Amino acid sequence: MSRTLLPSLLRVLARVLRVCAWVLVALVVADAVLPAGPRALLLPVNSLISQLMPAPMSGLFVFQTPFEGAFRGDFAIVAIVLLVLDWICCRVSASLR
């Protein structure tokens, strides 16, 4: 029973990690290129995600873009980590089947 349950749980976890990573990628792009008005609507989302990050990582590698936005390197790094964890979960799930 648990032999079939663990791969399924890992696949679900992988999907959740993948969705979270792509949401962060979309937020990084939106923060970098959107004009000030629409970007201001994202401030509560940015604040929430910043609070969920480890304190030393929050605000790390934030650069101003030519579009008057900001490239959030901290969000980009977390998105990469989530995609790597997604890949690991998929590999482990496949090896357990």
PDB file of N, CA and C in Angstrom:
ATOM      1  N   MET A   1       0.819  -1.206   0.000  1.00  0.00           N
ATOM      2  CA  MET A   1       0.000   0.000   0.000  1.00  0.00           C
ATOM      3  C   MET A   1       0.856   1.261   0.000  1.00  0.00           C
ATOM      4  N   SER A   2       1.816   1.348   0.939  1.00  0.00           N
ATOM      5  CA  SER A   2       2.639   2.556   1.020  1.00  0.00           C
ATOM      6  C   SER A   2       3.592   2.648  -0.165  1.00  0.00           C
ATOM      7  N   ARG A   3       3.888   1.487  -0.781  1.00  0.00           N
ATOM      8  CA  ARG A   3       4.766   1.495  -1.951  1.00  0.00           C
ATOM      9  C   ARG A   3       4.112   2.239  -3.119  1.00  0.00           C
ATOM     10  N   THR A   4       2.801   2.208  -3.219  1.00  0.00           N
ATOM     11  CA  THR A   4       2.114   2.939  -4.281  1.00  0.00           C
ATOM     12  C   THR A   4       1.706   4.336  -3.832  1.00  0.00           C
ATOM     13  N   LEU A   5       1.619   4.542  -2.536  1.00  0.00           N
ATOM     14  CA  LEU A   5       1.204   5.839  -2.022  1.00  0.00           C
ATOM     15  C   LEU A   5       2.337   6.871  -2.088  1.00  0.00           C
ATOM     16  N   LEU A   6       3.552   6.458  -1.777  1.00  0.00           N
ATOM     17  CA  LEU A   6       4.676   7.398  -1.752  1.00  0.00           C
ATOM     18  C   LEU A   6       4.961   8.031  -3.119  1.00  0.00           C
ATOM     19  N   PRO A   7       5.021   7.247  -4.205  1.00  0.00           N
ATOM     20  CA  PRO A   7       5.230   7.899  -5.514  1.00  0.00           C
ATOM     21  C   PRO A   7       4.121   8.887  -5.868  1.00  0.00           C
ATOM     22  N   SER A   8       2.896   8.559  -5.504  1.00  0.00           N
ATOM     23  CA  SER A   8       1.779   9.469  -5.792  1.00  0.00           C
ATOM     24  C   SER A   8       1.911  10.765  -4.998  1.00  0.00           C
ATOM     25  N   LEU A   9       2.272  10.647  -3.739  1.00  0.00           N
ATOM     26  CA  LEU A   9       2.465  11.845  -2.914  1.00  0.00           C
ATOM     27  C   LEU A   9       3.615  12.698  -3.432  1.00  0.00           C
ATOM     28  N   LEU A  10       4.679  12.043  -3.877  1.00  0.00           N
ATOM     29  CA  LEU A  10       5.811  12.790  -4.431  1.00  0.00           C
ATOM     30  C   LEU A  10       5.431  13.507  -5.724  1.00  0.00           C
ATOM     31  N   ARG A  11       4.600  12.879  -6.542  1.00  0.00           N
ATOM     32  CA  ARG A  11       4.154  13.541  -7.775  1.00  0.00           C
ATOM     33  C   ARG A  11       3.280  14.755  -7.458  1.00  0.00           C
ATOM     34  N   VAL A  12       2.421  14.624  -6.453  1.00  0.00           N
ATOM     35  CA  VAL A  12       1.583  15.764  -6.045  1.00  0.00           C
ATOM     36  C   VAL A  12       2.463  16.882  -5.492  1.00  0.00           C
ATOM     37  N   LEU A  13       3.430  16.523  -4.650  1.00  0.00           N
ATOM     38  CA  LEU A  13       4.355  17.527  -4.103  1.00  0.00           C
ATOM     39  C   LEU A  13       5.131  18.214  -5.224  1.00  0.00           C
ATOM     40  N   ALA A  14       5.563  17.432  -6.210  1.00  0.00           N
ATOM     41  CA  ALA A  14       6.298  18.003  -7.348  1.00  0.00           C
ATOM     42  C   ALA A  14       5.439  19.023  -8.092  1.00  0.00           C
ATOM     43  N   ARG A  15       4.177  18.711  -8.293  1.00  0.00           N
ATOM     44  CA  ARG A  15       3.285  19.655  -8.992  1.00  0.00           C
ATOM     45  C   ARG A  15       3.089  20.934  -8.190  1.00  0.00           C
ATOM     46  N   VAL A  16       2.925  20.789  -6.886  1.00  0.00           N
ATOM     47  CA  VAL A  16       2.761  21.976  -6.030  1.00  0.00           C
ATOM     48  C   VAL A  16       4.015  22.838  -6.091  1.00  0.00           C
ATOM     49  N   LEU A  17       5.181  22.216  -6.002  1.00  0.00           N
ATOM     50  CA  LEU A  17       6.442  22.959  -6.084  1.00  0.00           C
ATOM     51  C   LEU A  17       6.579  23.652  -7.431  1.00  0.00           C
ATOM     52  N   ARG A  18       6.189  22.960  -8.504  1.00  0.00           N
ATOM     53  CA  ARG A  18       6.291  23.530  -9.850  1.00  0.00           C
ATOM     54  C   ARG A  18       5.384  24.735 -10.012  1.00  0.00           C
ATOM     55  N   VAL A  19       4.154  24.626  -9.522  1.00  0.00           N
ATOM     56  CA  VAL A  19       3.215  25.749  -9.623  1.00  0.00           C
ATOM     57  C   VAL A  19       3.731  26.942  -8.823  1.00  0.00           C
ATOM     58  N   CYS A  20       4.221  26.697  -7.614  1.00  0.00           N
ATOM     59  CA  CYS A  20       4.768  27.792  -6.794  1.00  0.00           C
ATOM     60  C   CYS A  20       5.957  28.449  -7.486  1.00  0.00           C
ATOM     61  N   ALA A  21       6.813  27.646  -8.097  1.00  0.00           N
ATOM     62  CA  ALA A  21       7.978  28.189  -8.793  1.00  0.00           C
ATOM     63  C   ALA A  21       7.556  29.071  -9.958  1.00  0.00           C
ATOM     64  N   TRP A  22       6.586  28.621 -10.757  1.00  0.00           N
ATOM     65  CA  TRP A  22       6.167  29.405 -11.912  1.00  0.00           C
ATOM     66  C   TRP A  22       5.410  30.657 -11.507  1.00  0.00           C
ATOM     67  N   VAL A  23       4.716  30.610 -10.381  1.00  0.00           N
ATOM     68  CA  VAL A  23       4.087  31.833  -9.864  1.00  0.00           C
ATOM     69  C   VAL A  23       5.169  32.848  -9.491  1.00  0.00           C
ATOM     70  N   LEU A  24       6.240  32.374  -8.866  1.00  0.00           N
ATOM     71  CA  LEU A  24       7.346  33.280  -8.524  1.00  0.00           C
ATOM     72  C   LEU A  24       8.013  33.835  -9.779  1.00  0.00           C
ATOM     73  N   VAL A  25       8.193  33.001 -10.789  1.00  0.00           N
ATOM     74  CA  VAL A  25       8.785  33.476 -12.043  1.00  0.00           C
ATOM     75  C   VAL A  25       7.915  34.575 -12.651  1.00  0.00           C
ATOM     76  N   ALA A  26       6.609  34.355 -12.675  1.00  0.00           N
ATOM     77  CA  ALA A  26       5.691  35.373 -13.218  1.00  0.00           C
ATOM     78  C   ALA A  26       5.771  36.659 -12.403  1.00  0.00           C
ATOM     79  N   LEU A  27       5.904  36.531 -11.087  1.00  0.00           N
ATOM     80  CA  LEU A  27       6.005  37.714 -10.234  1.00  0.00           C
ATOM     81  C   LEU A  27       7.319  38.461 -10.474  1.00  0.00           C
ATOM     82  N   VAL A  28       8.399  37.733 -10.682  1.00  0.00           N
ATOM     83  CA  VAL A  28       9.693  38.369 -10.991  1.00  0.00           C
ATOM     84  C   VAL A  28       9.577  39.172 -12.278  1.00  0.00           C
ATOM     85  N   VAL A  29       8.972  38.583 -13.297  1.00  0.00           N
ATOM     86  CA  VAL A  29       8.818  39.279 -14.581  1.00  0.00           C
ATOM     87  C   VAL A  29       7.903  40.487 -14.424  1.00  0.00           C
ATOM     88  N   ALA A  30       6.784  40.304 -13.728  1.00  0.00           N
ATOM     89  CA  ALA A  30       5.843  41.412 -13.539  1.00  0.00           C
ATOM     90  C   ALA A  30       6.493  42.558 -12.771  1.00  0.00           C
ATOM     91  N   ASP A  31       7.243  42.248 -11.724  1.00  0.00           N
ATOM     92  CA  ASP A  31       7.923  43.290 -10.955  1.00  0.00           C
ATOM     93  C   ASP A  31       8.963  44.028 -11.794  1.00  0.00           C
ATOM     94  N   ALA A  32       9.543  43.330 -12.750  1.00  0.00           N
ATOM     95  CA  ALA A  32      10.611  43.934 -13.546  1.00  0.00           C
ATOM     96  C   ALA A  32      10.084  44.806 -14.684  1.00  0.00           C
ATOM     97  N   VAL A  33       8.942  44.467 -15.261  1.00  0.00           N
ATOM     98  CA  VAL A  33       8.542  45.163 -16.488  1.00  0.00           C
ATOM     99  C   VAL A  33       7.239  45.954 -16.408  1.00  0.00           C
ATOM    100  N   LEU A  34       6.400  45.696 -15.431  1.00  0.00           N
ATOM    101  CA  LEU A  34       5.131  46.429 -15.367  1.00  0.00           C
ATOM    102  C   LEU A  34       5.351  47.894 -14.990  1.00  0.00           C
ATOM    103  N   PRO A  35       4.514  48.799 -15.513  1.00  0.00           N
ATOM    104  CA  PRO A  35       4.597  50.196 -15.094  1.00  0.00           C
ATOM    105  C   PRO A  35       4.184  50.345 -13.624  1.00  0.00           C
ATOM    106  N   ALA A  36       4.444  51.497 -13.076  1.00  0.00           N
ATOM    107  CA  ALA A  36       4.269  51.735 -11.636  1.00  0.00           C
ATOM    108  C   ALA A  36       2.853  51.468 -11.140  1.00  0.00           C
ATOM    109  N   GLY A  37       1.835  51.841 -11.893  1.00  0.00           N
ATOM    110  CA  GLY A  37       0.456  51.649 -11.441  1.00  0.00           C
ATOM    111  C   GLY A  37       0.101  50.196 -11.192  1.00  0.00           C
ATOM    112  N   PRO A  38       0.191  49.352 -12.229  1.00  0.00           N
ATOM    113  CA  PRO A  38      -0.124  47.935 -12.022  1.00  0.00           C
ATOM    114  C   PRO A  38       0.837  47.242 -11.053  1.00  0.00           C
ATOM    115  N   ARG A  39       2.095  47.681 -11.065  1.00  0.00           N
ATOM    116  CA  ARG A  39       3.077  47.074 -10.164  1.00  0.00           C
ATOM    117  C   ARG A  39       2.738  47.365  -8.706  1.00  0.00           C
ATOM    118  N   ALA A  40       2.110  48.496  -8.449  1.00  0.00           N
ATOM    119  CA  ALA A  40       1.710  48.838  -7.078  1.00  0.00           C
ATOM    120  C   ALA A  40       0.673  47.852  -6.549  1.00  0.00           C
ATOM    121  N   LEU A  41      -0.117  47.270  -7.444  1.00  0.00           N
ATOM    122  CA  LEU A  41      -1.098  46.273  -7.027  1.00  0.00           C
ATOM    123  C   LEU A  41      -0.434  44.987  -6.534  1.00  0.00           C
ATOM    124  N   LEU A  42       0.814  44.780  -6.931  1.00  0.00           N
ATOM    125  CA  LEU A  42       1.538  43.569  -6.531  1.00  0.00           C
ATOM    126  C   LEU A  42       2.259  43.717  -5.190  1.00  0.00           C
ATOM    127  N   LEU A  43       2.264  44.909  -4.620  1.00  0.00           N
ATOM    128  CA  LEU A  43       2.986  45.125  -3.366  1.00  0.00           C
ATOM    129  C   LEU A  43       2.547  44.198  -2.233  1.00  0.00           C
ATOM    130  N   PRO A  44       1.242  43.978  -2.029  1.00  0.00           N
ATOM    131  CA  PRO A  44       0.858  43.030  -0.960  1.00  0.00           C
ATOM    132  C   PRO A  44       1.359  41.608  -1.219  1.00  0.00           C
ATOM    133  N   VAL A  45       1.361  41.190  -2.481  1.00  0.00           N
ATOM    134  CA  VAL A  45       1.857  39.846  -2.823  1.00  0.00           C
ATOM    135  C   VAL A  45       3.356  39.771  -2.571  1.00  0.00           C
ATOM    136  N   ASN A  46       4.093  40.801  -2.997  1.00  0.00           N
ATOM    137  CA  ASN A  46       5.533  40.840  -2.758  1.00  0.00           C
ATOM    138  C   ASN A  46       5.836  40.810  -1.263  1.00  0.00           C
ATOM    139  N   SER A  47       5.079  41.544  -0.497  1.00  0.00           N
ATOM    140  CA  SER A  47       5.285  41.584   0.949  1.00  0.00           C
ATOM    141  C   SER A  47       5.033  40.217   1.578  1.00  0.00           C
ATOM    142  N   LEU A  48       3.964  39.561   1.153  1.00  0.00           N
ATOM    143  CA  LEU A  48       3.642  38.237   1.696  1.00  0.00           C
ATOM    144  C   LEU A  48       4.736  37.232   1.381  1.00  0.00           C
ATOM    145  N   ILE A  49       5.190  37.214   0.150  1.00  0.00           N
ATOM    146  CA  ILE A  49       6.239  36.267  -0.239  1.00  0.00           C
ATOM    147  C   ILE A  49       7.546  36.595   0.472  1.00  0.00           C
ATOM    148  N   SER A  50       7.855  37.868   0.640  1.00  0.00           N
ATOM    149  CA  SER A  50       9.070  38.253   1.369  1.00  0.00           C
ATOM    150  C   SER A  50       9.021  37.767   2.808  1.00  0.00           C
ATOM    151  N   GLN A  51       7.846  37.805   3.422  1.00  0.00           N
ATOM    152  CA  GLN A  51       7.714  37.336   4.799  1.00  0.00           C
ATOM    153  C   GLN A  51       7.869  35.829   4.900  1.00  0.00           C
ATOM    154  N   LEU A  52       7.529  35.096   3.844  1.00  0.00           N
ATOM    155  CA  LEU A  52       7.649  33.641   3.862  1.00  0.00           C
ATOM    156  C   LEU A  52       9.084  33.169   3.644  1.00  0.00           C
ATOM    157  N   MET A  53       9.935  34.058   3.142  1.00  0.00           N
ATOM    158  CA  MET A  53      11.328  33.709   2.879  1.00  0.00           C
ATOM    159  C   MET A  53      12.157  33.790   4.147  1.00  0.00           C
ATOM    160  N   PRO A  54      13.266  33.044   4.171  1.00  0.00           N
ATOM    161  CA  PRO A  54      14.199  33.209   5.293  1.00  0.00           C
ATOM    162  C   PRO A  54      14.729  34.645   5.315  1.00  0.00           C
ATOM    163  N   ALA A  55      14.868  35.195   6.500  1.00  0.00           N
ATOM    164  CA  ALA A  55      15.271  36.606   6.655  1.00  0.00           C
ATOM    165  C   ALA A  55      16.557  36.960   5.918  1.00  0.00           C
ATOM    166  N   PRO A  56      17.618  36.151   5.978  1.00  0.00           N
ATOM    167  CA  PRO A  56      18.844  36.545   5.265  1.00  0.00           C
ATOM    168  C   PRO A  56      18.673  36.592   3.746  1.00  0.00           C
ATOM    169  N   MET A  57      17.701  35.883   3.224  1.00  0.00           N
ATOM    170  CA  MET A  57      17.507  35.831   1.778  1.00  0.00           C
ATOM    171  C   MET A  57      16.615  36.958   1.269  1.00  0.00           C
ATOM    172  N   SER A  58      15.715  37.438   2.094  1.00  0.00           N
ATOM    173  CA  SER A  58      14.750  38.448   1.677  1.00  0.00           C
ATOM    174  C   SER A  58      15.451  39.746   1.288  1.00  0.00           C
ATOM    175  N   GLY A  59      15.175  40.206   0.087  1.00  0.00           N
ATOM    176  CA  GLY A  59      15.769  41.450  -0.397  1.00  0.00           C
ATOM    177  C   GLY A  59      17.144  41.291  -1.010  1.00  0.00           C
ATOM    178  N   LEU A  60      17.615  40.059  -1.122  1.00  0.00           N
ATOM    179  CA  LEU A  60      18.945  39.793  -1.677  1.00  0.00           C
ATOM    180  C   LEU A  60      18.882  39.865  -3.203  1.00  0.00           C
ATOM    181  N   PHE A  61      19.842  40.492  -3.821  1.00  0.00           N
ATOM    182  CA  PHE A  61      19.958  40.601  -5.271  1.00  0.00           C
ATOM    183  C   PHE A  61      18.744  41.282  -5.912  1.00  0.00           C
ATOM    184  N   VAL A  62      18.324  42.391  -5.362  1.00  0.00           N
ATOM    185  CA  VAL A  62      17.240  43.184  -5.948  1.00  0.00           C
ATOM    186  C   VAL A  62      17.890  44.335  -6.716  1.00  0.00           C
ATOM    187  N   PHE A  63      17.598  44.402  -8.032  1.00  0.00           N
ATOM    188  CA  PHE A  63      18.204  45.406  -8.891  1.00  0.00           C
ATOM    189  C   PHE A  63      17.126  46.187  -9.626  1.00  0.00           C
ATOM    190  N   GLN A  64      17.365  47.480  -9.809  1.00  0.00           N
ATOM    191  CA  GLN A  64      16.437  48.296 -10.586  1.00  0.00           C
ATOM    192  C   GLN A  64      16.598  47.956 -12.064  1.00  0.00           C
ATOM    193  N   THR A  65      15.462  47.932 -12.781  1.00  0.00           N
ATOM    194  CA  THR A  65      15.486  47.637 -14.209  1.00  0.00           C
ATOM    195  C   THR A  65      15.304  48.929 -15.000  1.00  0.00           C
ATOM    196  N   PRO A  66      15.611  48.911 -16.300  1.00  0.00           N
ATOM    197  CA  PRO A  66      15.407  50.099 -17.125  1.00  0.00           C
ATOM    198  C   PRO A  66      13.932  50.487 -17.255  1.00  0.00           C
ATOM    199  N   PHE A  67      13.030  49.595 -16.882  1.00  0.00           N
ATOM    200  CA  PHE A  67      11.593  49.862 -16.971  1.00  0.00           C
ATOM    201  C   PHE A  67      11.057  50.484 -15.690  1.00  0.00           C
ATOM    202  N   GLU A  68      11.938  50.933 -14.815  1.00  0.00           N
ATOM    203  CA  GLU A  68      11.588  51.513 -13.515  1.00  0.00           C
ATOM    204  C   GLU A  68      11.043  50.479 -12.536  1.00  0.00           C
ATOM    205  N   GLY A  69      11.170  49.219 -12.869  1.00  0.00           N
ATOM    206  CA  GLY A  69      10.770  48.148 -11.968  1.00  0.00           C
ATOM    207  C   GLY A  69      11.976  47.640 -11.205  1.00  0.00           C
ATOM    208  N   ALA A  70      11.827  46.478 -10.615  1.00  0.00           N
ATOM    209  CA  ALA A  70      12.926  45.868  -9.868  1.00  0.00           C
ATOM    210  C   ALA A  70      12.981  44.381 -10.169  1.00  0.00           C
ATOM    211  N   PHE A  71      14.173  43.898 -10.485  1.00  0.00           N
ATOM    212  CA  PHE A  71      14.383  42.463 -10.633  1.00  0.00           C
ATOM    213  C   PHE A  71      14.592  41.893  -9.244  1.00  0.00           C
ATOM    214  N   ARG A  72      13.705  41.011  -8.829  1.00  0.00           N
ATOM    215  CA  ARG A  72      13.778  40.414  -7.496  1.00  0.00           C
ATOM    216  C   ARG A  72      14.596  39.133  -7.575  1.00  0.00           C
ATOM    217  N   GLY A  73      15.880  39.257  -7.333  1.00  0.00           N
ATOM    218  CA  GLY A  73      16.774  38.105  -7.364  1.00  0.00           C
ATOM    219  C   GLY A  73      16.446  37.091  -6.295  1.00  0.00           C
ATOM    220  N   ASP A  74      15.952  37.555  -5.152  1.00  0.00           N
ATOM    221  CA  ASP A  74      15.590  36.619  -4.089  1.00  0.00           C
ATOM    222  C   ASP A  74      14.443  35.717  -4.531  1.00  0.00           C
ATOM    223  N   PHE A  75      13.457  36.284  -5.216  1.00  0.00           N
ATOM    224  CA  PHE A  75      12.348  35.482  -5.727  1.00  0.00           C
ATOM    225  C   PHE A  75      12.836  34.514  -6.808  1.00  0.00           C
ATOM    226  N   ALA A  76      13.740  34.986  -7.662  1.00  0.00           N
ATOM    227  CA  ALA A  76      14.267  34.149  -8.739  1.00  0.00           C
ATOM    228  C   ALA A  76      15.047  32.961  -8.173  1.00  0.00           C
ATOM    229  N   ILE A  77      15.836  33.190  -7.140  1.00  0.00           N
ATOM    230  CA  ILE A  77      16.605  32.106  -6.526  1.00  0.00           C
ATOM    231  C   ILE A  77      15.669  31.076  -5.899  1.00  0.00           C
ATOM    232  N   VAL A  78      14.653  31.540  -5.197  1.00  0.00           N
ATOM    233  CA  VAL A  78      13.695  30.611  -4.591  1.00  0.00           C
ATOM    234  C   VAL A  78      12.959  29.831  -5.679  1.00  0.00           C
ATOM    235  N   ALA A  79      12.615  30.467  -6.790  1.00  0.00           N
ATOM    236  CA  ALA A  79      11.950  29.767  -7.892  1.00  0.00           C
ATOM    237  C   ALA A  79      12.850  28.664  -8.449  1.00  0.00           C
ATOM    238  N   ILE A  80      14.130  28.939  -8.598  1.00  0.00           N
ATOM    239  CA  ILE A  80      15.077  27.923  -9.088  1.00  0.00           C
ATOM    240  C   ILE A  80      15.172  26.766  -8.102  1.00  0.00           C
ATOM    241  N   VAL A  81      15.246  27.074  -6.823  1.00  0.00           N
ATOM    242  CA  VAL A  81      15.310  26.021  -5.799  1.00  0.00           C
ATOM    243  C   VAL A  81      14.043  25.163  -5.848  1.00  0.00           C
ATOM    244  N   LEU A  82      12.884  25.797  -5.994  1.00  0.00           N
ATOM    245  CA  LEU A  82      11.631  25.041  -6.068  1.00  0.00           C
ATOM    246  C   LEU A  82      11.598  24.152  -7.309  1.00  0.00           C
ATOM    247  N   LEU A  83      12.107  24.620  -8.430  1.00  0.00           N
ATOM    248  CA  LEU A  83      12.146  23.793  -9.635  1.00  0.00           C
ATOM    249  C   LEU A  83      13.106  22.625  -9.489  1.00  0.00           C
ATOM    250  N   VAL A  84      14.215  22.826  -8.806  1.00  0.00           N
ATOM    251  CA  VAL A  84      15.153  21.721  -8.544  1.00  0.00           C
ATOM    252  C   VAL A  84      14.504  20.692  -7.620  1.00  0.00           C
ATOM    253  N   LEU A  85      13.805  21.160  -6.590  1.00  0.00           N
ATOM    254  CA  LEU A  85      13.104  20.238  -5.695  1.00  0.00           C
ATOM    255  C   LEU A  85      12.008  19.479  -6.443  1.00  0.00           C
ATOM    256  N   ASP A  86      11.329  20.142  -7.364  1.00  0.00           N
ATOM    257  CA  ASP A  86      10.332  19.496  -8.212  1.00  0.00           C
ATOM    258  C   ASP A  86      10.976  18.372  -9.008  1.00  0.00           C
ATOM    259  N   TRP A  87      12.114  18.646  -9.617  1.00  0.00           N
ATOM    260  CA  TRP A  87      12.828  17.656 -10.413  1.00  0.00           C
ATOM    261  C   TRP A  87      13.242  16.468  -9.550  1.00  0.00           C
ATOM    262  N   ILE A  88      13.748  16.746  -8.353  1.00  0.00           N
ATOM    263  CA  ILE A  88      14.158  15.669  -7.440  1.00  0.00           C
ATOM    264  C   ILE A  88      12.957  14.798  -7.066  1.00  0.00           C
ATOM    265  N   CYS A  89      11.841  15.423  -6.745  1.00  0.00           N
ATOM    266  CA  CYS A  89      10.635  14.655  -6.403  1.00  0.00           C
ATOM    267  C   CYS A  89      10.186  13.784  -7.565  1.00  0.00           C
ATOM    268  N   CYS A  90      10.244  14.314  -8.772  1.00  0.00           N
ATOM    269  CA  CYS A  90       9.863  13.529  -9.953  1.00  0.00           C
ATOM    270  C   CYS A  90      10.802  12.341 -10.160  1.00  0.00           C
ATOM    271  N   ARG A  91      12.086  12.552  -9.975  1.00  0.00           N
ATOM    272  CA  ARG A  91      13.069  11.463 -10.146  1.00  0.00           C
ATOM    273  C   ARG A  91      12.871  10.379  -9.104  1.00  0.00           C
ATOM    274  N   VAL A  92      12.677  10.777  -7.859  1.00  0.00           N
ATOM    275  CA  VAL A  92      12.467   9.796  -6.788  1.00  0.00           C
ATOM    276  C   VAL A  92      11.160   9.050  -7.009  1.00  0.00           C
ATOM    277  N   SER A  93      10.120   9.761  -7.388  1.00  0.00           N
ATOM    278  CA  SER A  93       8.834   9.130  -7.661  1.00  0.00           C
ATOM    279  C   SER A  93       8.953   8.100  -8.780  1.00  0.00           C
ATOM    280  N   ALA A  94       9.662   8.450  -9.842  1.00  0.00           N
ATOM    281  CA  ALA A  94       9.835   7.526 -10.971  1.00  0.00           C
ATOM    282  C   ALA A  94      10.647   6.298 -10.559  1.00  0.00           C
ATOM    283  N   SER A  95      11.632   6.496  -9.697  1.00  0.00           N
ATOM    284  CA  SER A  95      12.460   5.347  -9.294  1.00  0.00           C
ATOM    285  C   SER A  95      11.703   4.410  -8.343  1.00  0.00           C
ATOM    286  N   LEU A  96      10.683   4.893  -7.675  1.00  0.00           N
ATOM    287  CA  LEU A  96       9.917   4.064  -6.752  1.00  0.00           C
ATOM    288  C   LEU A  96       8.799   3.275  -7.434  1.00  0.00           C
ATOM    289  N   ARG A  97       8.493   3.644  -8.677  1.00  0.00           N
ATOM    290  CA  ARG A  97       7.417   2.925  -9.377  1.00  0.00           C
ATOM    291  C   ARG A  97       7.864   1.617  -9.895  1.00  0.00           C
TER     292      ARG A  97
END
